[in-house]
């Protein structure tokens, strides 16, 4: 049975996190972490993504973001694709594409309601 579609609410704040699989720690390398932050900045400018906070750890990252005109999944697809593409010249892990698990949590801006999507 397919998973339920994610709910997109323009202007709502979302907690997004993405974990790398197979025990790999690509963001433990400061160059990789800096490259991810650079990609987030690019996508922020291109897509109009609001970024309130971010945290990059060895095997995952967290973002607190707000998408206005472009659905959140499009911005996240760009971030993940650009930050983890194996063709990048400075990529330390270019043998194969990393397996990712992404979870989105939607948080209503004005209310106390919070639910995992």
PDB file of N, CA and C in Angstrom:
ATOM      1  N   UNK A   1       0.846  -1.160   0.000  1.00  0.00           N
ATOM      2  CA  UNK A   1       0.000   0.000   0.000  1.00  0.00           C
ATOM      3  C   UNK A   1       0.902   1.238   0.000  1.00  0.00           C
ATOM      4  N   UNK A   2       0.664   2.190  -0.885  1.00  0.00           N
ATOM      5  CA  UNK A   2       1.506   3.386  -0.941  1.00  0.00           C
ATOM      6  C   UNK A   2       1.296   4.264   0.287  1.00  0.00           C
ATOM      7  N   UNK A   3       2.319   5.057   0.583  1.00  0.00           N
ATOM      8  CA  UNK A   3       2.202   5.960   1.726  1.00  0.00           C
ATOM      9  C   UNK A   3       1.274   7.118   1.388  1.00  0.00           C
ATOM     10  N   UNK A   4       0.729   7.718   2.424  1.00  0.00           N
ATOM     11  CA  UNK A   4      -0.133   8.876   2.221  1.00  0.00           C
ATOM     12  C   UNK A   4       0.696  10.045   1.715  1.00  0.00           C
ATOM     13  N   UNK A   5       0.086  10.869   0.888  1.00  0.00           N
ATOM     14  CA  UNK A   5       0.773  12.050   0.380  1.00  0.00           C
ATOM     15  C   UNK A   5       1.049  13.018   1.527  1.00  0.00           C
ATOM     16  N   UNK A   6       2.176  13.706   1.450  1.00  0.00           N
ATOM     17  CA  UNK A   6       2.507  14.703   2.463  1.00  0.00           C
ATOM     18  C   UNK A   6       1.601  15.912   2.300  1.00  0.00           C
ATOM     19  N   UNK A   7       1.312  16.547   3.394  1.00  0.00           N
ATOM     20  CA  UNK A   7       0.468  17.727   3.385  1.00  0.00           C
ATOM     21  C   UNK A   7       1.359  18.950   3.189  1.00  0.00           C
ATOM     22  N   UNK A   8       1.023  19.801   2.216  1.00  0.00           N
ATOM     23  CA  UNK A   8       1.763  21.039   2.010  1.00  0.00           C
ATOM     24  C   UNK A   8       0.853  22.197   2.336  1.00  0.00           C
ATOM     25  N   UNK A   9       1.276  22.999   3.284  1.00  0.00           N
ATOM     26  CA  UNK A   9       0.539  24.193   3.668  1.00  0.00           C
ATOM     27  C   UNK A   9       1.471  25.370   3.428  1.00  0.00           C
ATOM     28  N   UNK A  10       1.164  26.180   2.426  1.00  0.00           N
ATOM     29  CA  UNK A  10       2.008  27.330   2.118  1.00  0.00           C
ATOM     30  C   UNK A  10       2.087  28.249   3.331  1.00  0.00           C
ATOM     31  N   UNK A  11       3.295  28.622   3.694  1.00  0.00           N
ATOM     32  CA  UNK A  11       3.500  29.517   4.820  1.00  0.00           C
ATOM     33  C   UNK A  11       3.665  28.828   6.156  1.00  0.00           C
ATOM     34  N   UNK A  12       3.413  27.531   6.236  1.00  0.00           N
ATOM     35  CA  UNK A  12       3.579  26.800   7.500  1.00  0.00           C
ATOM     36  C   UNK A  12       5.056  26.474   7.709  1.00  0.00           C
ATOM     37  N   UNK A  13       5.473  26.422   8.950  1.00  0.00           N
ATOM     38  CA  UNK A  13       6.838  26.033   9.270  1.00  0.00           C
ATOM     39  C   UNK A  13       6.914  24.515   9.351  1.00  0.00           C
ATOM     40  N   UNK A  14       7.996  23.961   8.831  1.00  0.00           N
ATOM     41  CA  UNK A  14       8.209  22.513   8.806  1.00  0.00           C
ATOM     42  C   UNK A  14       9.564  22.186   9.430  1.00  0.00           C
ATOM     43  N   UNK A  15       9.582  21.113  10.199  1.00  0.00           N
ATOM     44  CA  UNK A  15      10.847  20.565  10.683  1.00  0.00           C
ATOM     45  C   UNK A  15      11.187  19.432   9.739  1.00  0.00           C
ATOM     46  N   UNK A  16      12.292  19.571   9.026  1.00  0.00           N
ATOM     47  CA  UNK A  16      12.711  18.574   8.049  1.00  0.00           C
ATOM     48  C   UNK A  16      14.034  17.991   8.514  1.00  0.00           C
ATOM     49  N   UNK A  17      14.134  16.678   8.465  1.00  0.00           N
ATOM     50  CA  UNK A  17      15.438  16.089   8.738  1.00  0.00           C
ATOM     51  C   UNK A  17      15.699  14.970   7.758  1.00  0.00           C
ATOM     52  N   UNK A  18      16.947  14.772   7.474  1.00  0.00           N
ATOM     53  CA  UNK A  18      17.363  13.793   6.482  1.00  0.00           C
ATOM     54  C   UNK A  18      18.546  13.025   7.055  1.00  0.00           C
ATOM     55  N   UNK A  19      18.394  11.726   7.138  1.00  0.00           N
ATOM     56  CA  UNK A  19      19.422  10.862   7.717  1.00  0.00           C
ATOM     57  C   UNK A  19      20.046  10.019   6.619  1.00  0.00           C
ATOM     58  N   UNK A  20      21.362   9.874   6.658  1.00  0.00           N
ATOM     59  CA  UNK A  20      22.096   9.066   5.696  1.00  0.00           C
ATOM     60  C   UNK A  20      22.120   7.632   6.201  1.00  0.00           C
ATOM     61  N   UNK A  21      21.937   6.682   5.296  1.00  0.00           N
ATOM     62  CA  UNK A  21      21.889   5.275   5.670  1.00  0.00           C
ATOM     63  C   UNK A  21      23.241   4.593   5.648  1.00  0.00           C
ATOM     64  N   UNK A  22      23.226   3.330   5.999  1.00  0.00           N
ATOM     65  CA  UNK A  22      24.374   2.424   5.950  1.00  0.00           C
ATOM     66  C   UNK A  22      25.541   2.854   6.831  1.00  0.00           C
ATOM     67  N   UNK A  23      25.265   3.597   7.876  1.00  0.00           N
ATOM     68  CA  UNK A  23      26.316   3.975   8.807  1.00  0.00           C
ATOM     69  C   UNK A  23      27.328   4.981   8.279  1.00  0.00           C
ATOM     70  N   UNK A  24      27.062   5.567   7.133  1.00  0.00           N
ATOM     71  CA  UNK A  24      27.992   6.552   6.572  1.00  0.00           C
ATOM     72  C   UNK A  24      27.841   7.888   7.290  1.00  0.00           C
ATOM     73  N   UNK A  25      28.917   8.648   7.335  1.00  0.00           N
ATOM     74  CA  UNK A  25      28.925   9.944   8.014  1.00  0.00           C
ATOM     75  C   UNK A  25      29.530  11.005   7.097  1.00  0.00           C
ATOM     76  N   UNK A  26      28.858  11.336   5.993  1.00  0.00           N
ATOM     77  CA  UNK A  26      29.451  12.267   5.026  1.00  0.00           C
ATOM     78  C   UNK A  26      29.648  13.675   5.573  1.00  0.00           C
ATOM     79  N   UNK A  27      28.780  14.100   6.489  1.00  0.00           N
ATOM     80  CA  UNK A  27      28.866  15.475   6.972  1.00  0.00           C
ATOM     81  C   UNK A  27      29.853  15.631   8.124  1.00  0.00           C
ATOM     82  N   UNK A  28      30.525  14.550   8.523  1.00  0.00           N
ATOM     83  CA  UNK A  28      31.584  14.647   9.515  1.00  0.00           C
ATOM     84  C   UNK A  28      32.791  15.371   8.911  1.00  0.00           C
ATOM     85  N   UNK A  29      32.903  15.322   7.601  1.00  0.00           N
ATOM     86  CA  UNK A  29      33.941  16.052   6.879  1.00  0.00           C
ATOM     87  C   UNK A  29      33.501  17.518   6.787  1.00  0.00           C
ATOM     88  N   UNK A  30      34.259  18.452   7.339  1.00  0.00           N
ATOM     89  CA  UNK A  30      33.853  19.861   7.318  1.00  0.00           C
ATOM     90  C   UNK A  30      33.590  20.412   5.918  1.00  0.00           C
ATOM     91  N   UNK A  31      34.307  19.886   4.912  1.00  0.00           N
ATOM     92  CA  UNK A  31      34.069  20.350   3.529  1.00  0.00           C
ATOM     93  C   UNK A  31      32.685  19.930   3.046  1.00  0.00           C
ATOM     94  N   UNK A  32      32.275  18.733   3.413  1.00  0.00           N
ATOM     95  CA  UNK A  32      30.954  18.253   3.007  1.00  0.00           C
ATOM     96  C   UNK A  32      29.851  19.025   3.722  1.00  0.00           C
ATOM     97  N   UNK A  33      30.051  19.302   5.011  1.00  0.00           N
ATOM     98  CA  UNK A  33      29.068  20.075   5.771  1.00  0.00           C
ATOM     99  C   UNK A  33      28.943  21.484   5.187  1.00  0.00           C
ATOM    100  N   UNK A  34      30.076  22.099   4.856  1.00  0.00           N
ATOM    101  CA  UNK A  34      30.060  23.439   4.248  1.00  0.00           C
ATOM    102  C   UNK A  34      29.391  23.412   2.879  1.00  0.00           C
ATOM    103  N   UNK A  35      29.612  22.351   2.121  1.00  0.00           N
ATOM    104  CA  UNK A  35      28.976  22.225   0.804  1.00  0.00           C
ATOM    105  C   UNK A  35      27.459  22.115   0.957  1.00  0.00           C
ATOM    106  N   UNK A  36      26.990  21.381   1.966  1.00  0.00           N
ATOM    107  CA  UNK A  36      25.559  21.265   2.212  1.00  0.00           C
ATOM    108  C   UNK A  36      24.957  22.627   2.557  1.00  0.00           C
ATOM    109  N   UNK A  37      25.612  23.367   3.429  1.00  0.00           N
ATOM    110  CA  UNK A  37      25.113  24.687   3.810  1.00  0.00           C
ATOM    111  C   UNK A  37      25.080  25.605   2.589  1.00  0.00           C
ATOM    112  N   UNK A  38      26.065  25.505   1.736  1.00  0.00           N
ATOM    113  CA  UNK A  38      26.100  26.295   0.501  1.00  0.00           C
ATOM    114  C   UNK A  38      24.918  25.947  -0.409  1.00  0.00           C
ATOM    115  N   UNK A  39      24.618  24.673  -0.526  1.00  0.00           N
ATOM    116  CA  UNK A  39      23.480  24.231  -1.337  1.00  0.00           C
ATOM    117  C   UNK A  39      22.172  24.740  -0.741  1.00  0.00           C
ATOM    118  N   UNK A  40      22.043  24.693   0.568  1.00  0.00           N
ATOM    119  CA  UNK A  40      20.829  25.199   1.225  1.00  0.00           C
ATOM    120  C   UNK A  40      20.650  26.681   0.902  1.00  0.00           C
ATOM    121  N   UNK A  41      21.750  27.433   0.947  1.00  0.00           N
ATOM    122  CA  UNK A  41      21.681  28.867   0.601  1.00  0.00           C
ATOM    123  C   UNK A  41      21.232  29.078  -0.840  1.00  0.00           C
ATOM    124  N   UNK A  42      21.771  28.277  -1.771  1.00  0.00           N
ATOM    125  CA  UNK A  42      21.395  28.388  -3.184  1.00  0.00           C
ATOM    126  C   UNK A  42      19.902  28.137  -3.374  1.00  0.00           C
ATOM    127  N   UNK A  43      19.425  27.040  -2.815  1.00  0.00           N
ATOM    128  CA  UNK A  43      18.014  26.670  -2.961  1.00  0.00           C
ATOM    129  C   UNK A  43      17.123  27.702  -2.280  1.00  0.00           C
ATOM    130  N   UNK A  44      17.578  28.240  -1.173  1.00  0.00           N
ATOM    131  CA  UNK A  44      16.830  29.293  -0.470  1.00  0.00           C
ATOM    132  C   UNK A  44      16.606  30.489  -1.394  1.00  0.00           C
ATOM    133  N   UNK A  45      17.656  30.905  -2.077  1.00  0.00           N
ATOM    134  CA  UNK A  45      17.543  32.040  -3.014  1.00  0.00           C
ATOM    135  C   UNK A  45      16.669  31.695  -4.218  1.00  0.00           C
ATOM    136  N   UNK A  46      16.880  30.534  -4.796  1.00  0.00           N
ATOM    137  CA  UNK A  46      16.171  30.142  -6.017  1.00  0.00           C
ATOM    138  C   UNK A  46      14.683  29.882  -5.795  1.00  0.00           C
ATOM    139  N   UNK A  47      14.347  29.218  -4.690  1.00  0.00           N
ATOM    140  CA  UNK A  47      12.986  28.756  -4.469  1.00  0.00           C
ATOM    141  C   UNK A  47      12.174  29.631  -3.514  1.00  0.00           C
ATOM    142  N   UNK A  48      12.804  30.619  -2.898  1.00  0.00           N
ATOM    143  CA  UNK A  48      12.102  31.449  -1.934  1.00  0.00           C
ATOM    144  C   UNK A  48      11.811  30.710  -0.637  1.00  0.00           C
ATOM    145  N   UNK A  49      12.672  29.792  -0.282  1.00  0.00           N
ATOM    146  CA  UNK A  49      12.513  28.984   0.920  1.00  0.00           C
ATOM    147  C   UNK A  49      12.943  29.798   2.130  1.00  0.00           C
ATOM    148  N   UNK A  50      12.128  29.835   3.159  1.00  0.00           N
ATOM    149  CA  UNK A  50      12.503  30.505   4.398  1.00  0.00           C
ATOM    150  C   UNK A  50      13.198  29.525   5.312  1.00  0.00           C
ATOM    151  N   UNK A  51      14.388  29.864   5.774  1.00  0.00           N
ATOM    152  CA  UNK A  51      15.145  28.983   6.664  1.00  0.00           C
ATOM    153  C   UNK A  51      15.323  29.704   7.995  1.00  0.00           C
ATOM    154  N   UNK A  52      14.699  29.182   9.042  1.00  0.00           N
ATOM    155  CA  UNK A  52      14.808  29.791  10.368  1.00  0.00           C
ATOM    156  C   UNK A  52      16.002  29.228  11.130  1.00  0.00           C
ATOM    157  N   UNK A  53      16.307  27.945  10.927  1.00  0.00           N
ATOM    158  CA  UNK A  53      17.411  27.311  11.641  1.00  0.00           C
ATOM    159  C   UNK A  53      17.865  26.070  10.884  1.00  0.00           C
ATOM    160  N   UNK A  54      19.115  25.701  11.082  1.00  0.00           N
ATOM    161  CA  UNK A  54      19.642  24.462  10.515  1.00  0.00           C
ATOM    162  C   UNK A  54      20.703  23.903  11.449  1.00  0.00           C
ATOM    163  N   UNK A  55      20.900  22.591  11.358  1.00  0.00           N
ATOM    164  CA  UNK A  55      21.909  21.905  12.159  1.00  0.00           C
ATOM    165  C   UNK A  55      22.432  20.736  11.326  1.00  0.00           C
ATOM    166  N   UNK A  56      23.741  20.697  11.099  1.00  0.00           N
ATOM    167  CA  UNK A  56      24.350  19.621  10.326  1.00  0.00           C
ATOM    168  C   UNK A  56      25.158  18.758  11.279  1.00  0.00           C
ATOM    169  N   UNK A  57      24.852  17.465  11.298  1.00  0.00           N
ATOM    170  CA  UNK A  57      25.575  16.514  12.134  1.00  0.00           C
ATOM    171  C   UNK A  57      26.269  15.506  11.220  1.00  0.00           C
ATOM    172  N   UNK A  58      27.006  14.601  11.781  1.00  0.00           N
ATOM    173  CA  UNK A  58      27.805  13.659  10.986  1.00  0.00           C
ATOM    174  C   UNK A  58      27.018  12.859   9.966  1.00  0.00           C
ATOM    175  N   UNK A  59      25.845  12.327  10.360  1.00  0.00           N
ATOM    176  CA  UNK A  59      25.092  11.472   9.440  1.00  0.00           C
ATOM    177  C   UNK A  59      23.695  12.001   9.115  1.00  0.00           C
ATOM    178  N   UNK A  60      23.369  13.225   9.542  1.00  0.00           N
ATOM    179  CA  UNK A  60      22.064  13.781   9.205  1.00  0.00           C
ATOM    180  C   UNK A  60      22.053  15.293   9.407  1.00  0.00           C
ATOM    181  N   UNK A  61      20.970  15.902   8.933  1.00  0.00           N
ATOM    182  CA  UNK A  61      20.809  17.336   9.158  1.00  0.00           C
ATOM    183  C   UNK A  61      19.351  17.638   9.474  1.00  0.00           C
ATOM    184  N   UNK A  62      19.141  18.773  10.125  1.00  0.00           N
ATOM    185  CA  UNK A  62      17.807  19.265  10.470  1.00  0.00           C
ATOM    186  C   UNK A  62      17.637  20.655   9.879  1.00  0.00           C
ATOM    187  N   UNK A  63      16.443  20.961   9.415  1.00  0.00           N
ATOM    188  CA  UNK A  63      16.109  22.297   8.931  1.00  0.00           C
ATOM    189  C   UNK A  63      14.766  22.715   9.502  1.00  0.00           C
ATOM    190  N   UNK A  64      14.642  23.971   9.842  1.00  0.00           N
ATOM    191  CA  UNK A  64      13.339  24.559  10.174  1.00  0.00           C
ATOM    192  C   UNK A  64      13.051  25.517   9.027  1.00  0.00           C
ATOM    193  N   UNK A  65      12.099  25.134   8.164  1.00  0.00           N
ATOM    194  CA  UNK A  65      11.875  25.871   6.919  1.00  0.00           C
ATOM    195  C   UNK A  65      10.410  26.214   6.713  1.00  0.00           C
ATOM    196  N   UNK A  66      10.220  27.238   5.884  1.00  0.00           N
ATOM    197  CA  UNK A  66       8.877  27.639   5.483  1.00  0.00           C
ATOM    198  C   UNK A  66       8.887  27.800   3.968  1.00  0.00           C
ATOM    199  N   UNK A  67       7.986  27.092   3.300  1.00  0.00           N
ATOM    200  CA  UNK A  67       7.857  27.179   1.849  1.00  0.00           C
ATOM    201  C   UNK A  67       6.631  28.015   1.527  1.00  0.00           C
ATOM    202  N   UNK A  68       6.801  28.964   0.631  1.00  0.00           N
ATOM    203  CA  UNK A  68       5.695  29.854   0.281  1.00  0.00           C
ATOM    204  C   UNK A  68       5.075  29.464  -1.053  1.00  0.00           C
ATOM    205  N   UNK A  69       5.794  29.719  -2.134  1.00  0.00           N
ATOM    206  CA  UNK A  69       5.210  29.535  -3.465  1.00  0.00           C
ATOM    207  C   UNK A  69       5.532  28.190  -4.109  1.00  0.00           C
ATOM    208  N   UNK A  70       6.580  27.549  -3.666  1.00  0.00           N
ATOM    209  CA  UNK A  70       7.008  26.272  -4.237  1.00  0.00           C
ATOM    210  C   UNK A  70       6.789  25.186  -3.182  1.00  0.00           C
ATOM    211  N   UNK A  71       6.182  24.061  -3.544  1.00  0.00           N
ATOM    212  CA  UNK A  71       5.991  22.981  -2.556  1.00  0.00           C
ATOM    213  C   UNK A  71       7.320  22.554  -1.932  1.00  0.00           C
ATOM    214  N   UNK A  72       7.256  22.213  -0.685  1.00  0.00           N
ATOM    215  CA  UNK A  72       8.456  21.871   0.071  1.00  0.00           C
ATOM    216  C   UNK A  72       9.229  20.713  -0.547  1.00  0.00           C
ATOM    217  N   UNK A  73       8.539  19.724  -1.077  1.00  0.00           N
ATOM    218  CA  UNK A  73       9.235  18.558  -1.628  1.00  0.00           C
ATOM    219  C   UNK A  73      10.152  18.950  -2.774  1.00  0.00           C
ATOM    220  N   UNK A  74       9.808  19.964  -3.543  1.00  0.00           N
ATOM    221  CA  UNK A  74      10.679  20.375  -4.655  1.00  0.00           C
ATOM    222  C   UNK A  74      11.987  20.971  -4.145  1.00  0.00           C
ATOM    223  N   UNK A  75      11.879  21.821  -3.139  1.00  0.00           N
ATOM    224  CA  UNK A  75      13.093  22.416  -2.564  1.00  0.00           C
ATOM    225  C   UNK A  75      13.973  21.345  -1.927  1.00  0.00           C
ATOM    226  N   UNK A  76      13.361  20.408  -1.215  1.00  0.00           N
ATOM    227  CA  UNK A  76      14.136  19.350  -0.568  1.00  0.00           C
ATOM    228  C   UNK A  76      14.777  18.423  -1.597  1.00  0.00           C
ATOM    229  N   UNK A  77      14.092  18.176  -2.683  1.00  0.00           N
ATOM    230  CA  UNK A  77      14.675  17.348  -3.744  1.00  0.00           C
ATOM    231  C   UNK A  77      15.933  18.018  -4.308  1.00  0.00           C
ATOM    232  N   UNK A  78      15.875  19.335  -4.481  1.00  0.00           N
ATOM    233  CA  UNK A  78      17.045  20.056  -4.971  1.00  0.00           C
ATOM    234  C   UNK A  78      18.189  20.007  -3.964  1.00  0.00           C
ATOM    235  N   UNK A  79      17.892  20.227  -2.691  1.00  0.00           N
ATOM    236  CA  UNK A  79      18.939  20.204  -1.665  1.00  0.00           C
ATOM    237  C   UNK A  79      19.601  18.840  -1.620  1.00  0.00           C
ATOM    238  N   UNK A  80      18.812  17.793  -1.542  1.00  0.00           N
ATOM    239  CA  UNK A  80      19.382  16.446  -1.452  1.00  0.00           C
ATOM    240  C   UNK A  80      20.126  16.061  -2.721  1.00  0.00           C
ATOM    241  N   UNK A  81      19.565  16.394  -3.861  1.00  0.00           N
ATOM    242  CA  UNK A  81      20.210  16.034  -5.124  1.00  0.00           C
ATOM    243  C   UNK A  81      21.537  16.745  -5.321  1.00  0.00           C
ATOM    244  N   UNK A  82      21.565  18.030  -5.008  1.00  0.00           N
ATOM    245  CA  UNK A  82      22.804  18.797  -5.213  1.00  0.00           C
ATOM    246  C   UNK A  82      23.858  18.491  -4.164  1.00  0.00           C
ATOM    247  N   UNK A  83      23.455  18.327  -2.929  1.00  0.00           N
ATOM    248  CA  UNK A  83      24.425  18.105  -1.856  1.00  0.00           C
ATOM    249  C   UNK A  83      25.025  16.710  -1.903  1.00  0.00           C
ATOM    250  N   UNK A  84      24.294  15.753  -2.410  1.00  0.00           N
ATOM    251  CA  UNK A  84      24.754  14.366  -2.356  1.00  0.00           C
ATOM    252  C   UNK A  84      24.984  13.741  -3.715  1.00  0.00           C
ATOM    253  N   UNK A  85      25.096  14.563  -4.757  1.00  0.00           N
ATOM    254  CA  UNK A  85      25.286  13.971  -6.077  1.00  0.00           C
ATOM    255  C   UNK A  85      26.694  13.398  -6.210  1.00  0.00           C
ATOM    256  N   UNK A  86      26.803  12.172  -6.694  1.00  0.00           N
ATOM    257  CA  UNK A  86      28.097  11.502  -6.760  1.00  0.00           C
ATOM    258  C   UNK A  86      29.032  12.099  -7.811  1.00  0.00           C
ATOM    259  N   UNK A  87      28.529  12.887  -8.744  1.00  0.00           N
ATOM    260  CA  UNK A  87      29.363  13.455  -9.800  1.00  0.00           C
ATOM    261  C   UNK A  87      30.183  14.650  -9.325  1.00  0.00           C
ATOM    262  N   UNK A  88      29.833  15.207  -8.157  1.00  0.00           N
ATOM    263  CA  UNK A  88      30.550  16.379  -7.666  1.00  0.00           C
ATOM    264  C   UNK A  88      32.023  16.081  -7.513  1.00  0.00           C
ATOM    265  N   UNK A  89      32.875  16.965  -8.009  1.00  0.00           N
ATOM    266  CA  UNK A  89      34.322  16.739  -8.004  1.00  0.00           C
ATOM    267  C   UNK A  89      34.890  16.586  -6.597  1.00  0.00           C
ATOM    268  N   UNK A  90      34.396  17.357  -5.639  1.00  0.00           N
ATOM    269  CA  UNK A  90      34.956  17.318  -4.294  1.00  0.00           C
ATOM    270  C   UNK A  90      34.258  16.308  -3.390  1.00  0.00           C
ATOM    271  N   UNK A  91      33.418  15.457  -3.980  1.00  0.00           N
ATOM    272  CA  UNK A  91      32.665  14.474  -3.193  1.00  0.00           C
ATOM    273  C   UNK A  91      33.582  13.354  -2.722  1.00  0.00           C
ATOM    274  N   UNK A  92      33.664  13.168  -1.410  1.00  0.00           N
ATOM    275  CA  UNK A  92      34.522  12.126  -0.855  1.00  0.00           C
ATOM    276  C   UNK A  92      33.901  10.744  -1.019  1.00  0.00           C
ATOM    277  N   UNK A  93      32.598  10.685  -1.163  1.00  0.00           N
ATOM    278  CA  UNK A  93      31.887   9.404  -1.233  1.00  0.00           C
ATOM    279  C   UNK A  93      31.245   9.255  -2.606  1.00  0.00           C
ATOM    280  N   UNK A  94      32.048   9.268  -3.673  1.00  0.00           N
ATOM    281  CA  UNK A  94      31.498   9.278  -5.025  1.00  0.00           C
ATOM    282  C   UNK A  94      31.261   7.889  -5.603  1.00  0.00           C
ATOM    283  N   UNK A  95      31.491   6.822  -4.858  1.00  0.00           N
ATOM    284  CA  UNK A  95      31.288   5.475  -5.387  1.00  0.00           C
ATOM    285  C   UNK A  95      29.827   5.192  -5.699  1.00  0.00           C
ATOM    286  N   UNK A  96      28.930   5.581  -4.849  1.00  0.00           N
ATOM    287  CA  UNK A  96      27.510   5.318  -5.055  1.00  0.00           C
ATOM    288  C   UNK A  96      26.656   6.370  -4.372  1.00  0.00           C
ATOM    289  N   UNK A  97      25.458   6.493  -4.817  1.00  0.00           N
ATOM    290  CA  UNK A  97      24.534   7.475  -4.227  1.00  0.00           C
ATOM    291  C   UNK A  97      24.145   7.023  -2.821  1.00  0.00           C
ATOM    292  N   UNK A  98      24.067   7.966  -1.908  1.00  0.00           N
ATOM    293  CA  UNK A  98      23.735   7.635  -0.531  1.00  0.00           C
ATOM    294  C   UNK A  98      22.238   7.373  -0.389  1.00  0.00           C
ATOM    295  N   UNK A  99      21.913   6.394   0.446  1.00  0.00           N
ATOM    296  CA  UNK A  99      20.512   6.105   0.738  1.00  0.00           C
ATOM    297  C   UNK A  99      20.038   7.095   1.803  1.00  0.00           C
ATOM    298  N   UNK A 100      18.936   7.724   1.543  1.00  0.00           N
ATOM    299  CA  UNK A 100      18.445   8.754   2.460  1.00  0.00           C
ATOM    300  C   UNK A 100      17.069   8.398   2.982  1.00  0.00           C
ATOM    301  N   UNK A 101      16.833   8.798   4.195  1.00  0.00           N
ATOM    302  CA  UNK A 101      15.512   8.677   4.772  1.00  0.00           C
ATOM    303  C   UNK A 101      15.109  10.072   5.216  1.00  0.00           C
ATOM    304  N   UNK A 102      14.039  10.548   4.628  1.00  0.00           N
ATOM    305  CA  UNK A 102      13.608  11.910   4.933  1.00  0.00           C
ATOM    306  C   UNK A 102      12.266  11.876   5.639  1.00  0.00           C
ATOM    307  N   UNK A 103      12.164  12.628   6.650  1.00  0.00           N
ATOM    308  CA  UNK A 103      10.909  12.738   7.385  1.00  0.00           C
ATOM    309  C   UNK A 103      10.540  14.209   7.476  1.00  0.00           C
ATOM    310  N   UNK A 104       9.294  14.465   7.308  1.00  0.00           N
ATOM    311  CA  UNK A 104       8.808  15.832   7.423  1.00  0.00           C
ATOM    312  C   UNK A 104       7.846  15.916   8.596  1.00  0.00           C
ATOM    313  N   UNK A 105       7.922  16.956   9.285  1.00  0.00           N
ATOM    314  CA  UNK A 105       6.963  17.208  10.344  1.00  0.00           C
ATOM    315  C   UNK A 105       6.344  18.570  10.078  1.00  0.00           C
ATOM    316  N   UNK A 106       5.055  18.636  10.102  1.00  0.00           N
ATOM    317  CA  UNK A 106       4.366  19.887   9.851  1.00  0.00           C
ATOM    318  C   UNK A 106       3.960  20.495  11.186  1.00  0.00           C
ATOM    319  N   UNK A 107       4.252  21.739  11.348  1.00  0.00           N
ATOM    320  CA  UNK A 107       3.889  22.433  12.571  1.00  0.00           C
ATOM    321  C   UNK A 107       3.051  23.636  12.183  1.00  0.00           C
ATOM    322  N   UNK A 108       1.849  23.686  12.695  1.00  0.00           N
ATOM    323  CA  UNK A 108       0.979  24.812  12.403  1.00  0.00           C
ATOM    324  C   UNK A 108       1.573  26.061  13.034  1.00  0.00           C
ATOM    325  N   UNK A 109       1.600  27.143  12.282  1.00  0.00           N
ATOM    326  CA  UNK A 109       2.288  28.351  12.722  1.00  0.00           C
ATOM    327  C   UNK A 109       1.668  28.937  13.985  1.00  0.00           C
ATOM    328  N   UNK A 110       0.378  29.140  14.019  1.00  0.00           N
ATOM    329  CA  UNK A 110      -0.238  29.850  15.133  1.00  0.00           C
ATOM    330  C   UNK A 110      -0.687  28.936  16.260  1.00  0.00           C
ATOM    331  N   UNK A 111      -0.871  27.668  16.003  1.00  0.00           N
ATOM    332  CA  UNK A 111      -1.442  26.787  17.011  1.00  0.00           C
ATOM    333  C   UNK A 111      -0.413  25.923  17.706  1.00  0.00           C
ATOM    334  N   UNK A 112      -0.879  25.155  18.641  1.00  0.00           N
ATOM    335  CA  UNK A 112      -0.027  24.251  19.376  1.00  0.00           C
ATOM    336  C   UNK A 112      -0.016  22.867  18.754  1.00  0.00           C
ATOM    337  N   UNK A 113      -0.755  22.693  17.678  1.00  0.00           N
ATOM    338  CA  UNK A 113      -0.861  21.389  17.032  1.00  0.00           C
ATOM    339  C   UNK A 113       0.443  21.051  16.316  1.00  0.00           C
ATOM    340  N   UNK A 114       0.873  19.845  16.458  1.00  0.00           N
ATOM    341  CA  UNK A 114       2.043  19.366  15.775  1.00  0.00           C
ATOM    342  C   UNK A 114       1.771  17.912  15.387  1.00  0.00           C
ATOM    343  N   UNK A 115       2.051  17.565  14.153  1.00  0.00           N
ATOM    344  CA  UNK A 115       1.836  16.170  13.755  1.00  0.00           C
ATOM    345  C   UNK A 115       2.866  15.767  12.748  1.00  0.00           C
ATOM    346  N   UNK A 116       3.231  14.515  12.799  1.00  0.00           N
ATOM    347  CA  UNK A 116       4.201  13.970  11.877  1.00  0.00           C
ATOM    348  C   UNK A 116       3.476  13.568  10.606  1.00  0.00           C
ATOM    349  N   UNK A 117       4.060  13.885   9.476  1.00  0.00           N
ATOM    350  CA  UNK A 117       3.438  13.569   8.191  1.00  0.00           C
ATOM    351  C   UNK A 117       4.253  12.503   7.519  1.00  0.00           C
TER     352      UNK A 117
END
